């Protein structure tokens, strides 16, 4: 299995992080570090989506020729 996470896995991880902030498990002492991890993950997702968009645009251009 690849060491890198798929986009779907990252979205699932982001959803779990969001749920943690609204759960009974929320802990103010952990919140800052969890928030930083979540922001980092969101930025990775943004980057992945931008790359995917670029790939789709290239493919669309190839098909329109």
PDB file of N, CA and C in Angstrom:
ATOM      1  N   UNK A   1       0.828  -1.174   0.000  1.00  0.00           N
ATOM      2  CA  UNK A   1       0.000   0.000   0.000  1.00  0.00           C
ATOM      3  C   UNK A   1       0.874   1.238   0.000  1.00  0.00           C
ATOM      4  N   UNK A   2       0.429   2.255  -0.683  1.00  0.00           N
ATOM      5  CA  UNK A   2       1.187   3.498  -0.796  1.00  0.00           C
ATOM      6  C   UNK A   2       1.242   4.229   0.536  1.00  0.00           C
ATOM      7  N   UNK A   3       2.338   4.921   0.770  1.00  0.00           N
ATOM      8  CA  UNK A   3       2.506   5.671   2.018  1.00  0.00           C
ATOM      9  C   UNK A   3       1.691   6.967   1.996  1.00  0.00           C
ATOM     10  N   UNK A   4       1.324   7.443   0.816  1.00  0.00           N
ATOM     11  CA  UNK A   4       0.555   8.670   0.725  1.00  0.00           C
ATOM     12  C   UNK A   4      -0.935   8.351   0.807  1.00  0.00           C
ATOM     13  N   UNK A   5      -1.669   9.286   1.386  1.00  0.00           N
ATOM     14  CA  UNK A   5      -3.104   9.106   1.554  1.00  0.00           C
ATOM     15  C   UNK A   5      -3.831   9.575   0.299  1.00  0.00           C
ATOM     16  N   UNK A   6      -4.913   8.903  -0.012  1.00  0.00           N
ATOM     17  CA  UNK A   6      -5.742   9.328  -1.129  1.00  0.00           C
ATOM     18  C   UNK A   6      -6.545  10.555  -0.709  1.00  0.00           C
ATOM     19  N   UNK A   7      -7.091  11.220  -1.695  1.00  0.00           N
ATOM     20  CA  UNK A   7      -7.917  12.392  -1.423  1.00  0.00           C
ATOM     21  C   UNK A   7      -9.124  12.001  -0.574  1.00  0.00           C
ATOM     22  N   UNK A   8      -9.711  10.859  -0.861  1.00  0.00           N
ATOM     23  CA  UNK A   8     -10.850  10.382  -0.067  1.00  0.00           C
ATOM     24  C   UNK A   8     -10.455  10.138   1.381  1.00  0.00           C
ATOM     25  N   UNK A   9      -9.289   9.567   1.593  1.00  0.00           N
ATOM     26  CA  UNK A   9      -8.816   9.324   2.955  1.00  0.00           C
ATOM     27  C   UNK A   9      -8.605  10.639   3.698  1.00  0.00           C
ATOM     28  N   UNK A  10      -8.086  11.626   2.994  1.00  0.00           N
ATOM     29  CA  UNK A  10      -7.867  12.937   3.618  1.00  0.00           C
ATOM     30  C   UNK A  10      -9.188  13.600   3.987  1.00  0.00           C
ATOM     31  N   UNK A  11     -10.186  13.475   3.092  1.00  0.00           N
ATOM     32  CA  UNK A  11     -11.506  14.027   3.407  1.00  0.00           C
ATOM     33  C   UNK A  11     -12.116  13.326   4.621  1.00  0.00           C
ATOM     34  N   UNK A  12     -11.961  12.017   4.705  1.00  0.00           N
ATOM     35  CA  UNK A  12     -12.469  11.263   5.854  1.00  0.00           C
ATOM     36  C   UNK A  12     -11.776  11.714   7.139  1.00  0.00           C
ATOM     37  N   UNK A  13     -10.471  11.906   7.059  1.00  0.00           N
ATOM     38  CA  UNK A  13      -9.713  12.358   8.215  1.00  0.00           C
ATOM     39  C   UNK A  13     -10.152  13.766   8.643  1.00  0.00           C
ATOM     40  N   UNK A  14     -10.396  14.624   7.666  1.00  0.00           N
ATOM     41  CA  UNK A  14     -10.858  15.977   7.954  1.00  0.00           C
ATOM     42  C   UNK A  14     -12.235  15.944   8.616  1.00  0.00           C
ATOM     43  N   UNK A  15     -13.097  15.084   8.121  1.00  0.00           N
ATOM     44  CA  UNK A  15     -14.436  14.947   8.709  1.00  0.00           C
ATOM     45  C   UNK A  15     -14.347  14.460  10.160  1.00  0.00           C
ATOM     46  N   UNK A  16     -13.475  13.496  10.416  1.00  0.00           N
ATOM     47  CA  UNK A  16     -13.297  12.992  11.781  1.00  0.00           C
ATOM     48  C   UNK A  16     -12.766  14.090  12.699  1.00  0.00           C
ATOM     49  N   UNK A  17     -11.848  14.903  12.190  1.00  0.00           N
ATOM     50  CA  UNK A  17     -11.307  16.005  12.989  1.00  0.00           C
ATOM     51  C   UNK A  17     -12.410  17.001  13.322  1.00  0.00           C
ATOM     52  N   UNK A  18     -13.237  17.303  12.331  1.00  0.00           N
ATOM     53  CA  UNK A  18     -14.348  18.238  12.555  1.00  0.00           C
ATOM     54  C   UNK A  18     -15.293  17.683  13.619  1.00  0.00           C
ATOM     55  N   UNK A  19     -15.604  16.408  13.502  1.00  0.00           N
ATOM     56  CA  UNK A  19     -16.488  15.775  14.474  1.00  0.00           C
ATOM     57  C   UNK A  19     -15.903  15.830  15.880  1.00  0.00           C
ATOM     58  N   UNK A  20     -14.580  15.695  16.002  1.00  0.00           N
ATOM     59  CA  UNK A  20     -13.938  15.736  17.305  1.00  0.00           C
ATOM     60  C   UNK A  20     -14.192  17.079  17.990  1.00  0.00           C
ATOM     61  N   UNK A  21     -14.129  18.171  17.229  1.00  0.00           N
ATOM     62  CA  UNK A  21     -14.331  19.495  17.806  1.00  0.00           C
ATOM     63  C   UNK A  21     -15.745  19.669  18.367  1.00  0.00           C
ATOM     64  N   UNK A  22     -16.708  18.905  17.842  1.00  0.00           N
ATOM     65  CA  UNK A  22     -18.094  19.008  18.304  1.00  0.00           C
ATOM     66  C   UNK A  22     -18.481  17.880  19.255  1.00  0.00           C
ATOM     67  N   UNK A  23     -17.550  16.996  19.536  1.00  0.00           N
ATOM     68  CA  UNK A  23     -17.862  15.823  20.351  1.00  0.00           C
ATOM     69  C   UNK A  23     -17.630  16.080  21.837  1.00  0.00           C
ATOM     70  N   UNK A  24     -18.052  15.110  22.615  1.00  0.00           N
ATOM     71  CA  UNK A  24     -17.810  15.144  24.064  1.00  0.00           C
ATOM     72  C   UNK A  24     -16.342  14.899  24.382  1.00  0.00           C
ATOM     73  N   UNK A  25     -15.582  14.398  23.405  1.00  0.00           N
ATOM     74  CA  UNK A  25     -14.154  14.136  23.592  1.00  0.00           C
ATOM     75  C   UNK A  25     -13.314  15.410  23.484  1.00  0.00           C
ATOM     76  N   UNK A  26     -13.942  16.497  23.049  1.00  0.00           N
ATOM     77  CA  UNK A  26     -13.223  17.766  22.886  1.00  0.00           C
ATOM     78  C   UNK A  26     -12.501  18.114  24.180  1.00  0.00           C
ATOM     79  N   UNK A  27     -11.250  18.507  24.024  1.00  0.00           N
ATOM     80  CA  UNK A  27     -10.407  18.852  25.159  1.00  0.00           C
ATOM     81  C   UNK A  27      -9.671  20.129  24.794  1.00  0.00           C
ATOM     82  N   UNK A  28      -9.862  21.164  25.572  1.00  0.00           N
ATOM     83  CA  UNK A  28      -9.260  22.456  25.271  1.00  0.00           C
ATOM     84  C   UNK A  28      -7.733  22.378  25.207  1.00  0.00           C
ATOM     85  N   UNK A  29      -7.138  21.520  26.012  1.00  0.00           N
ATOM     86  CA  UNK A  29      -5.681  21.370  26.004  1.00  0.00           C
ATOM     87  C   UNK A  29      -5.173  20.810  24.673  1.00  0.00           C
ATOM     88  N   UNK A  30      -5.966  19.989  24.025  1.00  0.00           N
ATOM     89  CA  UNK A  30      -5.577  19.386  22.749  1.00  0.00           C
ATOM     90  C   UNK A  30      -6.046  20.198  21.548  1.00  0.00           C
ATOM     91  N   UNK A  31      -6.938  21.125  21.773  1.00  0.00           N
ATOM     92  CA  UNK A  31      -7.594  21.835  20.673  1.00  0.00           C
ATOM     93  C   UNK A  31      -6.613  22.568  19.759  1.00  0.00           C
ATOM     94  N   UNK A  32      -5.631  23.240  20.320  1.00  0.00           N
ATOM     95  CA  UNK A  32      -4.687  24.005  19.499  1.00  0.00           C
ATOM     96  C   UNK A  32      -3.900  23.095  18.566  1.00  0.00           C
ATOM     97  N   UNK A  33      -3.380  22.014  19.094  1.00  0.00           N
ATOM     98  CA  UNK A  33      -2.600  21.116  18.236  1.00  0.00           C
ATOM     99  C   UNK A  33      -3.502  20.434  17.207  1.00  0.00           C
ATOM    100  N   UNK A  34      -4.703  20.031  17.605  1.00  0.00           N
ATOM    101  CA  UNK A  34      -5.643  19.422  16.649  1.00  0.00           C
ATOM    102  C   UNK A  34      -6.018  20.425  15.565  1.00  0.00           C
ATOM    103  N   UNK A  35      -6.219  21.683  15.956  1.00  0.00           N
ATOM    104  CA  UNK A  35      -6.572  22.718  14.992  1.00  0.00           C
ATOM    105  C   UNK A  35      -5.451  22.898  13.975  1.00  0.00           C
ATOM    106  N   UNK A  36      -4.214  22.950  14.451  1.00  0.00           N
ATOM    107  CA  UNK A  36      -3.062  23.096  13.547  1.00  0.00           C
ATOM    108  C   UNK A  36      -2.966  21.911  12.592  1.00  0.00           C
ATOM    109  N   UNK A  37      -3.169  20.703  13.096  1.00  0.00           N
ATOM    110  CA  UNK A  37      -3.139  19.512  12.248  1.00  0.00           C
ATOM    111  C   UNK A  37      -4.249  19.564  11.203  1.00  0.00           C
ATOM    112  N   UNK A  38      -5.418  20.022  11.623  1.00  0.00           N
ATOM    113  CA  UNK A  38      -6.561  20.097  10.717  1.00  0.00           C
ATOM    114  C   UNK A  38      -6.330  21.129   9.622  1.00  0.00           C
ATOM    115  N   UNK A  39      -5.754  22.265   9.970  1.00  0.00           N
ATOM    116  CA  UNK A  39      -5.440  23.300   8.981  1.00  0.00           C
ATOM    117  C   UNK A  39      -4.421  22.760   7.981  1.00  0.00           C
ATOM    118  N   UNK A  40      -3.408  22.054   8.464  1.00  0.00           N
ATOM    119  CA  UNK A  40      -2.404  21.466   7.574  1.00  0.00           C
ATOM    120  C   UNK A  40      -3.060  20.481   6.607  1.00  0.00           C
ATOM    121  N   UNK A  41      -3.959  19.658   7.122  1.00  0.00           N
ATOM    122  CA  UNK A  41      -4.666  18.696   6.289  1.00  0.00           C
ATOM    123  C   UNK A  41      -5.540  19.410   5.255  1.00  0.00           C
ATOM    124  N   UNK A  42      -6.225  20.460   5.667  1.00  0.00           N
ATOM    125  CA  UNK A  42      -7.071  21.217   4.739  1.00  0.00           C
ATOM    126  C   UNK A  42      -6.230  21.825   3.617  1.00  0.00           C
ATOM    127  N   UNK A  43      -5.048  22.304   3.947  1.00  0.00           N
ATOM    128  CA  UNK A  43      -4.164  22.869   2.919  1.00  0.00           C
ATOM    129  C   UNK A  43      -3.681  21.788   1.954  1.00  0.00           C
ATOM    130  N   UNK A  44      -3.413  20.586   2.477  1.00  0.00           N
ATOM    131  CA  UNK A  44      -3.023  19.471   1.607  1.00  0.00           C
ATOM    132  C   UNK A  44      -4.161  19.132   0.648  1.00  0.00           C
ATOM    133  N   UNK A  45      -5.380  19.134   1.165  1.00  0.00           N
ATOM    134  CA  UNK A  45      -6.549  18.846   0.329  1.00  0.00           C
ATOM    135  C   UNK A  45      -6.702  19.906  -0.749  1.00  0.00           C
ATOM    136  N   UNK A  46      -6.537  21.169  -0.370  1.00  0.00           N
ATOM    137  CA  UNK A  46      -6.612  22.253  -1.356  1.00  0.00           C
ATOM    138  C   UNK A  46      -5.591  22.058  -2.467  1.00  0.00           C
ATOM    139  N   UNK A  47      -4.374  21.692  -2.082  1.00  0.00           N
ATOM    140  CA  UNK A  47      -3.305  21.469  -3.061  1.00  0.00           C
ATOM    141  C   UNK A  47      -3.652  20.295  -3.974  1.00  0.00           C
ATOM    142  N   UNK A  48      -4.135  19.213  -3.376  1.00  0.00           N
ATOM    143  CA  UNK A  48      -4.521  18.035  -4.163  1.00  0.00           C
ATOM    144  C   UNK A  48      -5.640  18.377  -5.144  1.00  0.00           C
ATOM    145  N   UNK A  49      -6.612  19.156  -4.687  1.00  0.00           N
ATOM    146  CA  UNK A  49      -7.720  19.536  -5.556  1.00  0.00           C
ATOM    147  C   UNK A  49      -7.252  20.427  -6.697  1.00  0.00           C
ATOM    148  N   UNK A  50      -6.320  21.328  -6.421  1.00  0.00           N
ATOM    149  CA  UNK A  50      -5.779  22.196  -7.469  1.00  0.00           C
ATOM    150  C   UNK A  50      -5.045  21.358  -8.514  1.00  0.00           C
ATOM    151  N   UNK A  51      -4.277  20.367  -8.064  1.00  0.00           N
ATOM    152  CA  UNK A  51      -3.574  19.485  -8.995  1.00  0.00           C
ATOM    153  C   UNK A  51      -4.561  18.663  -9.815  1.00  0.00           C
ATOM    154  N   UNK A  52      -5.607  18.175  -9.167  1.00  0.00           N
ATOM    155  CA  UNK A  52      -6.621  17.398  -9.862  1.00  0.00           C
ATOM    156  C   UNK A  52      -7.351  18.264 -10.892  1.00  0.00           C
ATOM    157  N   UNK A  53      -7.666  19.490 -10.524  1.00  0.00           N
ATOM    158  CA  UNK A  53      -8.311  20.417 -11.452  1.00  0.00           C
ATOM    159  C   UNK A  53      -7.428  20.640 -12.679  1.00  0.00           C
ATOM    160  N   UNK A  54      -6.133  20.824 -12.440  1.00  0.00           N
ATOM    161  CA  UNK A  54      -5.195  21.023 -13.540  1.00  0.00           C
ATOM    162  C   UNK A  54      -5.180  19.806 -14.464  1.00  0.00           C
ATOM    163  N   UNK A  55      -5.146  18.610 -13.882  1.00  0.00           N
ATOM    164  CA  UNK A  55      -5.158  17.386 -14.692  1.00  0.00           C
ATOM    165  C   UNK A  55      -6.431  17.293 -15.526  1.00  0.00           C
ATOM    166  N   UNK A  56      -7.559  17.635 -14.927  1.00  0.00           N
ATOM    167  CA  UNK A  56      -8.835  17.581 -15.642  1.00  0.00           C
ATOM    168  C   UNK A  56      -8.848  18.589 -16.783  1.00  0.00           C
ATOM    169  N   UNK A  57      -8.315  19.775 -16.539  1.00  0.00           N
ATOM    170  CA  UNK A  57      -8.262  20.786 -17.591  1.00  0.00           C
ATOM    171  C   UNK A  57      -7.383  20.334 -18.748  1.00  0.00           C
ATOM    172  N   UNK A  58      -6.274  19.695 -18.444  1.00  0.00           N
ATOM    173  CA  UNK A  58      -5.376  19.182 -19.488  1.00  0.00           C
ATOM    174  C   UNK A  58      -6.086  18.092 -20.288  1.00  0.00           C
ATOM    175  N   UNK A  59      -6.758  17.180 -19.583  1.00  0.00           N
ATOM    176  CA  UNK A  59      -7.492  16.124 -20.280  1.00  0.00           C
ATOM    177  C   UNK A  59      -8.619  16.695 -21.133  1.00  0.00           C
ATOM    178  N   UNK A  60      -9.330  17.668 -20.609  1.00  0.00           N
ATOM    179  CA  UNK A  60     -10.420  18.285 -21.364  1.00  0.00           C
ATOM    180  C   UNK A  60      -9.903  18.963 -22.617  1.00  0.00           C
ATOM    181  N   UNK A  61      -8.744  19.586 -22.469  1.00  0.00           N
ATOM    182  CA  UNK A  61      -8.127  20.250 -23.642  1.00  0.00           C
ATOM    183  C   UNK A  61      -7.737  19.208 -24.685  1.00  0.00           C
ATOM    184  N   UNK A  62      -7.168  18.091 -24.235  1.00  0.00           N
ATOM    185  CA  UNK A  62      -6.774  17.013 -25.161  1.00  0.00           C
ATOM    186  C   UNK A  62      -7.994  16.447 -25.897  1.00  0.00           C
ATOM    187  N   UNK A  63      -9.115  16.307 -25.209  1.00  0.00           N
ATOM    188  CA  UNK A  63     -10.318  15.745 -25.820  1.00  0.00           C
ATOM    189  C   UNK A  63     -10.992  16.725 -26.789  1.00  0.00           C
ATOM    190  N   UNK A  64     -10.736  18.001 -26.585  1.00  0.00           N
ATOM    191  CA  UNK A  64     -11.393  18.984 -27.448  1.00  0.00           C
ATOM    192  C   UNK A  64     -10.655  19.180 -28.769  1.00  0.00           C
ATOM    193  N   UNK A  65      -9.512  18.547 -28.915  1.00  0.00           N
ATOM    194  CA  UNK A  65      -8.722  18.689 -30.153  1.00  0.00           C
ATOM    195  C   UNK A  65      -9.251  17.798 -31.243  1.00  0.00           C
TER     196      UNK A  65
END
